[in-house]
């Protein structure tokens, strides 16, 4: 009879140990799945003239998947003659890029991107401001450079492109 009690105790112990291991594995899998996923975003602005790249500028940021926003601002203030008491007004020129609500979908990253690129041609007075604006929901394959926006200059054979490469950041 004591042998049956020992066997019963060993069996119950084995069942409890197995249940504990399964519960721990389930919690580890759940916590790994709930960890936030981060992405490194590389934006490349390319200016082309007659199909040849004449200027390239790089802008990078990091974002997290979900209901988040990333913002890039880079530029200058250009003085322009005005009728105010100081005689000058300053106009912001440069690059503004916003990414909103990034979501990973089957090996790609979907997000809403708004971009504005403006340049002051200081050779004229007042300076001529060239401006390109884009806004759209985009989806790019993770790890692959993708042109997400492109437009021709209205006055020249020039073209402006915005390329995005999204890279998943591995947790350590």
N, C-alpha and C. Protein backbone atom coordinates (compact mmCIF):
# COMPACT_ATOMS: atom_id res chain seq x y z
N UNK A 1 0.81 -1.19 0.00
CA UNK A 1 0.00 0.00 0.00
C UNK A 1 0.85 1.25 0.00
N UNK A 2 1.96 1.25 0.72
CA UNK A 2 2.84 2.41 0.72
C UNK A 2 3.49 2.59 -0.64
N UNK A 3 3.69 1.48 -1.33
CA UNK A 3 4.27 1.57 -2.67
C UNK A 3 3.31 2.30 -3.60
N UNK A 4 2.00 2.06 -3.50
CA UNK A 4 1.00 2.75 -4.31
C UNK A 4 0.98 4.24 -3.98
N UNK A 5 1.15 4.57 -2.69
CA UNK A 5 1.18 5.98 -2.30
C UNK A 5 2.39 6.68 -2.89
N UNK A 6 3.53 6.00 -2.90
CA UNK A 6 4.76 6.58 -3.48
C UNK A 6 4.57 6.79 -4.98
N UNK A 7 4.03 5.78 -5.66
CA UNK A 7 3.79 5.90 -7.11
C UNK A 7 2.80 7.04 -7.41
N UNK A 8 1.77 7.14 -6.59
CA UNK A 8 0.80 8.21 -6.76
C UNK A 8 1.44 9.57 -6.52
N UNK A 9 2.27 9.68 -5.52
CA UNK A 9 2.95 10.95 -5.22
C UNK A 9 3.89 11.32 -6.35
N UNK A 10 4.64 10.36 -6.89
CA UNK A 10 5.57 10.61 -8.00
C UNK A 10 4.79 11.04 -9.24
N UNK A 11 3.70 10.36 -9.53
CA UNK A 11 2.88 10.70 -10.69
C UNK A 11 2.29 12.11 -10.55
N UNK A 12 1.76 12.42 -9.38
CA UNK A 12 1.20 13.76 -9.15
C UNK A 12 2.29 14.83 -9.26
N UNK A 13 3.46 14.54 -8.73
CA UNK A 13 4.58 15.48 -8.82
C UNK A 13 4.99 15.71 -10.26
N UNK A 14 5.02 14.63 -11.05
CA UNK A 14 5.39 14.75 -12.47
C UNK A 14 4.35 15.59 -13.22
N UNK A 15 3.08 15.38 -12.92
CA UNK A 15 2.01 16.16 -13.57
C UNK A 15 2.12 17.63 -13.20
N UNK A 16 2.34 17.92 -11.93
CA UNK A 16 2.48 19.31 -11.49
C UNK A 16 3.70 19.97 -12.12
N UNK A 17 4.81 19.26 -12.20
CA UNK A 17 6.03 19.79 -12.81
C UNK A 17 5.81 20.08 -14.29
N UNK A 18 5.16 19.15 -14.99
CA UNK A 18 4.86 19.35 -16.42
C UNK A 18 3.95 20.56 -16.61
N UNK A 19 2.93 20.68 -15.77
CA UNK A 19 2.02 21.83 -15.86
C UNK A 19 2.76 23.14 -15.63
N UNK A 20 3.65 23.15 -14.66
CA UNK A 20 4.43 24.36 -14.37
C UNK A 20 5.32 24.74 -15.54
N UNK A 21 5.98 23.75 -16.14
CA UNK A 21 6.86 24.02 -17.29
C UNK A 21 6.04 24.56 -18.46
N UNK A 22 4.90 23.95 -18.73
CA UNK A 22 4.04 24.41 -19.84
C UNK A 22 3.55 25.84 -19.60
N UNK A 23 3.18 26.13 -18.37
CA UNK A 23 2.72 27.48 -18.04
C UNK A 23 3.84 28.49 -18.23
N UNK A 24 5.04 28.18 -17.80
CA UNK A 24 6.18 29.08 -17.93
C UNK A 24 6.51 29.31 -19.40
N UNK A 25 6.46 28.25 -20.21
CA UNK A 25 6.74 28.40 -21.64
C UNK A 25 5.68 29.27 -22.30
N UNK A 26 4.42 29.08 -21.92
CA UNK A 26 3.35 29.90 -22.47
C UNK A 26 3.50 31.36 -22.11
N UNK A 27 3.92 31.63 -20.87
CA UNK A 27 4.12 33.02 -20.45
C UNK A 27 5.30 33.64 -21.18
N UNK A 28 6.39 32.88 -21.40
CA UNK A 28 7.54 33.40 -22.14
C UNK A 28 7.15 33.71 -23.58
N UNK A 29 6.39 32.83 -24.21
CA UNK A 29 5.96 33.06 -25.58
C UNK A 29 5.04 34.28 -25.65
N UNK A 30 4.15 34.41 -24.65
CA UNK A 30 3.22 35.54 -24.63
C UNK A 30 3.98 36.85 -24.44
N UNK A 31 4.96 36.87 -23.50
CA UNK A 31 5.70 38.12 -23.27
C UNK A 31 6.56 38.47 -24.46
N UNK A 32 7.12 37.48 -25.17
CA UNK A 32 7.90 37.76 -26.38
C UNK A 32 7.00 38.33 -27.47
N UNK A 33 5.78 37.80 -27.59
CA UNK A 33 4.87 38.30 -28.61
C UNK A 33 4.37 39.71 -28.26
N UNK A 34 4.32 40.06 -26.97
CA UNK A 34 3.82 41.36 -26.56
C UNK A 34 4.91 42.43 -26.55
N UNK A 35 6.17 42.04 -26.73
CA UNK A 35 7.25 43.03 -26.73
C UNK A 35 7.06 43.96 -27.92
N UNK A 36 7.28 45.23 -27.72
CA UNK A 36 7.13 46.17 -28.84
C UNK A 36 8.18 45.89 -29.92
N UNK A 37 7.79 46.10 -31.16
CA UNK A 37 8.68 45.89 -32.30
C UNK A 37 9.15 47.26 -32.79
N UNK A 38 10.46 47.42 -32.89
CA UNK A 38 11.05 48.69 -33.33
C UNK A 38 11.59 48.56 -34.75
N UNK A 39 11.58 49.70 -35.46
CA UNK A 39 12.09 49.75 -36.82
C UNK A 39 12.98 50.97 -37.00
N UNK A 40 14.06 50.79 -37.72
CA UNK A 40 14.93 51.89 -38.12
C UNK A 40 14.46 52.32 -39.51
N UNK A 41 14.16 53.60 -39.67
CA UNK A 41 13.68 54.12 -40.95
C UNK A 41 14.75 55.00 -41.57
N UNK A 42 15.18 54.66 -42.77
CA UNK A 42 16.13 55.47 -43.53
C UNK A 42 15.40 56.09 -44.71
N UNK A 43 15.29 57.42 -44.69
CA UNK A 43 14.70 58.16 -45.80
C UNK A 43 15.82 58.75 -46.63
N UNK A 44 15.74 58.63 -47.95
CA UNK A 44 16.75 59.19 -48.84
C UNK A 44 16.04 60.09 -49.85
N UNK A 45 16.43 61.36 -49.85
CA UNK A 45 15.89 62.31 -50.82
C UNK A 45 16.88 62.38 -51.97
N UNK A 46 16.40 62.12 -53.18
CA UNK A 46 17.25 62.16 -54.37
C UNK A 46 16.72 63.22 -55.33
N UNK A 47 17.66 64.04 -55.79
CA UNK A 47 17.34 65.00 -56.85
C UNK A 47 17.97 64.48 -58.13
N UNK A 48 17.17 64.40 -59.19
CA UNK A 48 17.65 63.92 -60.47
C UNK A 48 17.51 65.02 -61.51
N UNK A 49 18.42 65.04 -62.46
CA UNK A 49 18.34 65.96 -63.58
C UNK A 49 18.56 65.15 -64.85
N UNK A 50 17.54 65.08 -65.68
CA UNK A 50 17.64 64.28 -66.89
C UNK A 50 17.89 62.80 -66.59
N UNK A 51 17.38 62.30 -65.47
CA UNK A 51 17.53 60.91 -65.10
C UNK A 51 18.80 60.59 -64.32
N UNK A 52 19.71 61.57 -64.17
CA UNK A 52 20.96 61.35 -63.43
C UNK A 52 20.84 61.95 -62.03
N UNK A 53 21.28 61.20 -61.03
CA UNK A 53 21.23 61.67 -59.65
C UNK A 53 22.27 62.78 -59.48
N UNK A 54 21.82 63.96 -59.03
CA UNK A 54 22.73 65.09 -58.84
C UNK A 54 22.89 65.46 -57.36
N UNK A 55 21.99 64.97 -56.51
CA UNK A 55 22.08 65.28 -55.09
C UNK A 55 21.36 64.20 -54.29
N UNK A 56 21.96 63.79 -53.18
CA UNK A 56 21.36 62.78 -52.31
C UNK A 56 21.51 63.24 -50.87
N UNK A 57 20.42 63.17 -50.10
CA UNK A 57 20.46 63.51 -48.68
C UNK A 57 19.79 62.40 -47.89
N UNK A 58 20.36 62.06 -46.73
CA UNK A 58 19.87 60.96 -45.90
C UNK A 58 19.31 61.49 -44.58
N UNK A 59 18.19 60.90 -44.16
CA UNK A 59 17.54 61.24 -42.89
C UNK A 59 17.07 59.94 -42.25
N UNK A 60 17.41 59.74 -40.98
CA UNK A 60 17.09 58.49 -40.31
C UNK A 60 16.40 58.73 -38.98
N UNK A 61 15.59 57.76 -38.58
CA UNK A 61 14.93 57.80 -37.28
C UNK A 61 14.56 56.38 -36.89
N UNK A 62 14.08 56.23 -35.68
CA UNK A 62 13.61 54.94 -35.18
C UNK A 62 12.17 55.11 -34.72
N UNK A 63 11.35 54.09 -34.97
CA UNK A 63 9.96 54.14 -34.54
C UNK A 63 9.54 52.78 -34.01
N UNK A 64 8.42 52.76 -33.35
CA UNK A 64 7.88 51.53 -32.80
C UNK A 64 6.55 51.23 -33.50
N UNK A 65 6.31 49.95 -33.79
CA UNK A 65 5.05 49.56 -34.42
C UNK A 65 3.89 49.90 -33.50
N UNK A 66 2.81 50.37 -34.09
CA UNK A 66 1.63 50.71 -33.32
C UNK A 66 1.17 52.12 -33.61
N UNK A 67 0.51 52.70 -32.65
CA UNK A 67 -0.07 54.04 -32.78
C UNK A 67 0.97 55.09 -32.39
N UNK A 68 2.03 55.20 -33.20
CA UNK A 68 3.13 56.10 -32.88
C UNK A 68 3.45 57.00 -34.06
N UNK A 69 4.17 58.09 -33.78
CA UNK A 69 4.58 59.04 -34.81
C UNK A 69 6.07 59.29 -34.69
N UNK A 70 6.75 59.37 -35.82
CA UNK A 70 8.14 59.81 -35.83
C UNK A 70 8.23 61.06 -36.70
N UNK A 71 9.11 61.97 -36.32
CA UNK A 71 9.21 63.26 -37.00
C UNK A 71 10.66 63.60 -37.26
N UNK A 72 10.93 64.07 -38.47
CA UNK A 72 12.26 64.56 -38.85
C UNK A 72 12.09 65.99 -39.34
N UNK A 73 12.90 66.90 -38.80
CA UNK A 73 12.92 68.30 -39.23
C UNK A 73 14.37 68.70 -39.44
N UNK A 74 14.68 69.21 -40.61
CA UNK A 74 16.04 69.67 -40.90
C UNK A 74 15.94 70.81 -41.90
N UNK A 75 16.53 71.96 -41.56
CA UNK A 75 16.44 73.07 -42.50
C UNK A 75 17.06 74.35 -42.00
N UNK A 76 16.70 75.43 -42.68
CA UNK A 76 17.23 76.76 -42.40
C UNK A 76 16.09 77.77 -42.47
N UNK A 77 16.39 78.96 -41.97
CA UNK A 77 15.48 80.09 -42.11
C UNK A 77 16.13 81.05 -43.11
N UNK A 78 15.39 81.38 -44.15
CA UNK A 78 15.90 82.26 -45.21
C UNK A 78 15.28 83.65 -45.04
N UNK A 79 16.12 84.69 -44.96
CA UNK A 79 15.57 86.05 -44.82
C UNK A 79 15.00 86.54 -46.16
N UNK A 80 13.83 87.16 -46.06
CA UNK A 80 13.17 87.72 -47.25
C UNK A 80 12.74 89.14 -46.88
N UNK A 81 12.99 90.07 -47.78
CA UNK A 81 12.61 91.47 -47.58
C UNK A 81 11.10 91.57 -47.39
N UNK A 82 10.67 92.36 -46.39
CA UNK A 82 9.23 92.52 -46.14
C UNK A 82 8.94 93.96 -45.76
N UNK A 83 7.66 94.25 -45.61
CA UNK A 83 7.25 95.60 -45.25
C UNK A 83 7.15 95.81 -43.74
N UNK A 84 7.65 94.86 -42.94
CA UNK A 84 7.54 95.00 -41.48
C UNK A 84 8.57 96.00 -40.98
N UNK A 85 8.50 96.32 -39.68
CA UNK A 85 9.40 97.30 -39.07
C UNK A 85 10.86 96.85 -39.17
N UNK A 86 11.12 95.55 -39.08
CA UNK A 86 12.51 95.07 -39.17
C UNK A 86 12.97 94.96 -40.61
N UNK A 87 12.03 94.91 -41.55
CA UNK A 87 12.39 94.82 -42.96
C UNK A 87 12.66 93.41 -43.44
N UNK A 88 12.67 92.41 -42.53
CA UNK A 88 12.92 91.04 -42.93
C UNK A 88 11.88 90.09 -42.34
N UNK A 89 11.54 89.10 -43.13
CA UNK A 89 10.72 87.98 -42.67
C UNK A 89 11.55 86.73 -42.96
N UNK A 90 11.49 85.77 -42.07
CA UNK A 90 12.25 84.54 -42.26
C UNK A 90 11.32 83.41 -42.67
N UNK A 91 11.71 82.71 -43.74
CA UNK A 91 10.92 81.59 -44.26
C UNK A 91 11.68 80.30 -43.96
N UNK A 92 10.97 79.30 -43.42
CA UNK A 92 11.57 77.99 -43.16
C UNK A 92 11.68 77.21 -44.46
N UNK A 93 12.88 76.69 -44.74
CA UNK A 93 13.10 75.79 -45.87
C UNK A 93 13.86 74.57 -45.36
N UNK A 94 13.70 73.47 -46.07
CA UNK A 94 14.40 72.24 -45.68
C UNK A 94 13.54 71.02 -45.87
N UNK A 95 13.71 70.05 -44.98
CA UNK A 95 13.03 68.76 -45.09
C UNK A 95 12.21 68.49 -43.83
N UNK A 96 10.95 68.17 -44.02
CA UNK A 96 10.05 67.76 -42.95
C UNK A 96 9.46 66.41 -43.34
N UNK A 97 9.68 65.39 -42.52
CA UNK A 97 9.14 64.06 -42.79
C UNK A 97 8.45 63.55 -41.53
N UNK A 98 7.21 63.09 -41.68
CA UNK A 98 6.45 62.51 -40.58
C UNK A 98 6.00 61.11 -40.98
N UNK A 99 6.18 60.16 -40.06
CA UNK A 99 5.68 58.80 -40.24
C UNK A 99 4.70 58.51 -39.12
N UNK A 100 3.54 57.96 -39.47
CA UNK A 100 2.51 57.70 -38.45
C UNK A 100 1.99 56.27 -38.55
N UNK A 101 1.65 55.71 -37.40
CA UNK A 101 0.97 54.43 -37.26
C UNK A 101 1.65 53.28 -38.02
N UNK A 102 2.95 53.05 -37.78
CA UNK A 102 3.61 51.94 -38.47
C UNK A 102 3.08 50.59 -37.99
N UNK A 103 2.86 49.69 -38.96
CA UNK A 103 2.37 48.35 -38.63
C UNK A 103 3.08 47.34 -39.51
N UNK A 104 3.55 46.26 -38.89
CA UNK A 104 4.19 45.19 -39.66
C UNK A 104 3.11 44.28 -40.22
N UNK A 105 3.19 44.03 -41.53
CA UNK A 105 2.22 43.19 -42.21
C UNK A 105 2.97 42.22 -43.12
N UNK A 106 3.06 40.98 -42.73
CA UNK A 106 3.63 39.91 -43.55
C UNK A 106 4.96 40.30 -44.19
N UNK A 107 5.93 40.70 -43.40
CA UNK A 107 7.26 41.02 -43.92
C UNK A 107 7.40 42.40 -44.53
N UNK A 108 6.39 43.22 -44.38
CA UNK A 108 6.43 44.59 -44.89
C UNK A 108 6.03 45.53 -43.77
N UNK A 109 6.34 46.81 -43.96
CA UNK A 109 5.94 47.82 -42.99
C UNK A 109 4.99 48.79 -43.68
N UNK A 110 3.80 48.94 -43.10
CA UNK A 110 2.81 49.89 -43.61
C UNK A 110 2.80 51.09 -42.67
N UNK A 111 2.77 52.29 -43.22
CA UNK A 111 2.69 53.51 -42.42
C UNK A 111 2.21 54.66 -43.28
N UNK A 112 1.77 55.71 -42.62
CA UNK A 112 1.36 56.92 -43.29
C UNK A 112 2.56 57.87 -43.29
N UNK A 113 2.94 58.37 -44.47
CA UNK A 113 4.11 59.26 -44.58
C UNK A 113 3.67 60.59 -45.20
N UNK A 114 4.10 61.67 -44.55
CA UNK A 114 3.93 63.02 -45.09
C UNK A 114 5.32 63.63 -45.20
N UNK A 115 5.65 64.18 -46.36
CA UNK A 115 6.97 64.76 -46.57
C UNK A 115 6.84 66.10 -47.28
N UNK A 116 7.67 67.04 -46.85
CA UNK A 116 7.74 68.35 -47.50
C UNK A 116 9.21 68.70 -47.65
N UNK A 117 9.60 69.04 -48.88
CA UNK A 117 10.99 69.41 -49.16
C UNK A 117 10.95 70.77 -49.85
N UNK A 118 11.63 71.75 -49.27
CA UNK A 118 11.67 73.08 -49.88
C UNK A 118 13.10 73.59 -49.91
N UNK A 119 13.39 74.31 -51.00
CA UNK A 119 14.74 74.85 -51.22
C UNK A 119 14.60 76.29 -51.70
N UNK A 120 15.43 77.17 -51.17
CA UNK A 120 15.41 78.57 -51.60
C UNK A 120 16.52 78.79 -52.62
N UNK A 121 16.16 79.28 -53.79
CA UNK A 121 17.14 79.65 -54.80
C UNK A 121 17.54 81.10 -54.50
N UNK A 122 18.67 81.27 -53.83
CA UNK A 122 19.09 82.60 -53.39
C UNK A 122 19.66 83.45 -54.52
N UNK A 123 19.72 82.88 -55.73
CA UNK A 123 20.25 83.65 -56.85
C UNK A 123 19.25 84.71 -57.33
N UNK A 124 18.00 84.59 -56.89
CA UNK A 124 17.01 85.60 -57.28
C UNK A 124 16.59 86.38 -56.04
N UNK A 125 16.12 87.60 -56.26
CA UNK A 125 15.66 88.40 -55.14
C UNK A 125 14.26 88.91 -55.45
N UNK A 126 13.29 88.62 -54.68
CA UNK A 126 13.33 87.74 -53.51
C UNK A 126 13.63 86.31 -53.94
N UNK A 127 14.09 85.48 -53.00
CA UNK A 127 14.45 84.11 -53.36
C UNK A 127 13.25 83.30 -53.83
N UNK A 128 13.47 82.52 -54.85
CA UNK A 128 12.46 81.61 -55.36
C UNK A 128 12.46 80.37 -54.44
N UNK A 129 11.30 79.99 -53.93
CA UNK A 129 11.19 78.81 -53.06
C UNK A 129 10.62 77.66 -53.89
N UNK A 130 11.40 76.61 -54.05
CA UNK A 130 10.93 75.39 -54.73
C UNK A 130 10.43 74.45 -53.65
N UNK A 131 9.25 73.90 -53.84
CA UNK A 131 8.64 73.09 -52.80
C UNK A 131 7.99 71.85 -53.39
N UNK A 132 8.20 70.72 -52.72
CA UNK A 132 7.57 69.45 -53.08
C UNK A 132 6.91 68.89 -51.83
N UNK A 133 5.64 68.51 -51.95
CA UNK A 133 4.92 67.92 -50.81
C UNK A 133 4.28 66.61 -51.26
N UNK A 134 4.37 65.62 -50.37
CA UNK A 134 3.73 64.32 -50.61
C UNK A 134 3.06 63.87 -49.33
N UNK A 135 1.99 63.10 -49.46
CA UNK A 135 1.35 62.49 -48.31
C UNK A 135 0.56 61.28 -48.78
N UNK A 136 0.83 60.12 -48.16
CA UNK A 136 0.13 58.90 -48.56
C UNK A 136 0.36 57.80 -47.55
N UNK A 137 -0.48 56.78 -47.59
CA UNK A 137 -0.23 55.55 -46.87
C UNK A 137 0.63 54.69 -47.78
N UNK A 138 1.73 54.17 -47.25
CA UNK A 138 2.65 53.38 -48.06
C UNK A 138 2.92 52.04 -47.39
N UNK A 139 3.40 51.09 -48.18
CA UNK A 139 3.83 49.81 -47.64
C UNK A 139 5.14 49.46 -48.33
N UNK A 140 6.16 49.15 -47.52
CA UNK A 140 7.48 48.85 -48.07
C UNK A 140 7.95 47.50 -47.52
N UNK A 141 8.61 46.70 -48.36
CA UNK A 141 9.17 45.45 -47.87
C UNK A 141 10.28 45.75 -46.85
N UNK A 142 10.30 45.03 -45.74
CA UNK A 142 11.32 45.26 -44.72
C UNK A 142 12.69 44.90 -45.28
N UNK A 143 13.63 45.85 -45.14
CA UNK A 143 15.00 45.63 -45.57
C UNK A 143 15.29 45.96 -47.02
N UNK A 144 14.29 46.42 -47.78
CA UNK A 144 14.50 46.72 -49.20
C UNK A 144 14.22 48.19 -49.49
N UNK A 145 15.21 48.92 -50.03
CA UNK A 145 14.98 50.33 -50.39
C UNK A 145 13.85 50.43 -51.42
N UNK A 146 12.88 51.33 -51.15
CA UNK A 146 11.71 51.47 -52.01
C UNK A 146 11.41 52.95 -52.24
N UNK A 147 11.28 53.36 -53.50
CA UNK A 147 10.88 54.74 -53.80
C UNK A 147 9.40 54.83 -53.48
N UNK A 148 9.07 55.70 -52.51
CA UNK A 148 7.67 55.83 -52.10
C UNK A 148 6.99 57.05 -52.73
N UNK A 149 7.79 58.05 -53.11
CA UNK A 149 7.24 59.23 -53.77
C UNK A 149 8.19 59.67 -54.87
N UNK A 150 7.63 60.22 -55.93
CA UNK A 150 8.44 60.75 -57.02
C UNK A 150 7.61 61.80 -57.74
N UNK A 151 8.25 62.92 -58.10
CA UNK A 151 7.54 63.93 -58.88
C UNK A 151 8.53 64.74 -59.70
N UNK A 152 8.05 65.19 -60.85
CA UNK A 152 8.85 66.01 -61.75
C UNK A 152 8.79 67.46 -61.32
N UNK A 153 9.89 68.18 -61.56
CA UNK A 153 9.92 69.62 -61.35
C UNK A 153 9.12 70.25 -62.49
N UNK A 154 8.27 71.22 -62.17
CA UNK A 154 7.41 71.81 -63.19
C UNK A 154 8.17 72.70 -64.17
N UNK A 155 9.36 73.20 -63.79
CA UNK A 155 10.07 74.16 -64.64
C UNK A 155 11.30 73.58 -65.33
N UNK A 156 11.76 72.40 -64.91
CA UNK A 156 12.99 71.84 -65.47
C UNK A 156 12.79 70.36 -65.80
N UNK A 157 13.88 69.72 -66.21
CA UNK A 157 13.86 68.27 -66.44
C UNK A 157 14.18 67.51 -65.15
N UNK A 158 14.17 68.24 -64.05
CA UNK A 158 14.51 67.65 -62.76
C UNK A 158 13.38 66.81 -62.19
N UNK A 159 13.77 65.96 -61.27
CA UNK A 159 12.82 65.10 -60.57
C UNK A 159 13.26 64.96 -59.13
N UNK A 160 12.30 64.83 -58.22
CA UNK A 160 12.58 64.62 -56.81
C UNK A 160 11.98 63.27 -56.42
N UNK A 161 12.77 62.48 -55.66
CA UNK A 161 12.31 61.18 -55.19
C UNK A 161 12.55 61.05 -53.70
N UNK A 162 11.66 60.31 -53.03
CA UNK A 162 11.85 59.96 -51.63
C UNK A 162 11.84 58.44 -51.54
N UNK A 163 12.94 57.91 -51.02
CA UNK A 163 13.11 56.46 -50.89
C UNK A 163 13.09 56.11 -49.40
N UNK A 164 12.50 54.98 -49.06
CA UNK A 164 12.43 54.53 -47.68
C UNK A 164 12.92 53.10 -47.56
N UNK A 165 13.80 52.88 -46.57
CA UNK A 165 14.22 51.53 -46.20
C UNK A 165 13.86 51.35 -44.73
N UNK A 166 13.03 50.35 -44.44
CA UNK A 166 12.64 50.04 -43.07
C UNK A 166 13.36 48.76 -42.65
N UNK A 167 14.07 48.83 -41.53
CA UNK A 167 14.82 47.68 -41.03
C UNK A 167 14.34 47.35 -39.63
N UNK A 168 13.99 46.08 -39.41
CA UNK A 168 13.57 45.66 -38.08
C UNK A 168 14.76 45.68 -37.14
N UNK A 169 14.56 46.17 -35.92
CA UNK A 169 15.61 46.19 -34.91
C UNK A 169 15.40 44.99 -34.00
N UNK A 170 16.41 44.14 -33.93
CA UNK A 170 16.29 42.92 -33.13
C UNK A 170 16.52 43.23 -31.65
N UNK A 171 15.66 42.70 -30.80
CA UNK A 171 15.81 42.86 -29.35
C UNK A 171 16.95 41.96 -28.88
N UNK A 172 17.69 42.42 -27.90
CA UNK A 172 18.82 41.64 -27.39
C UNK A 172 18.43 40.89 -26.16
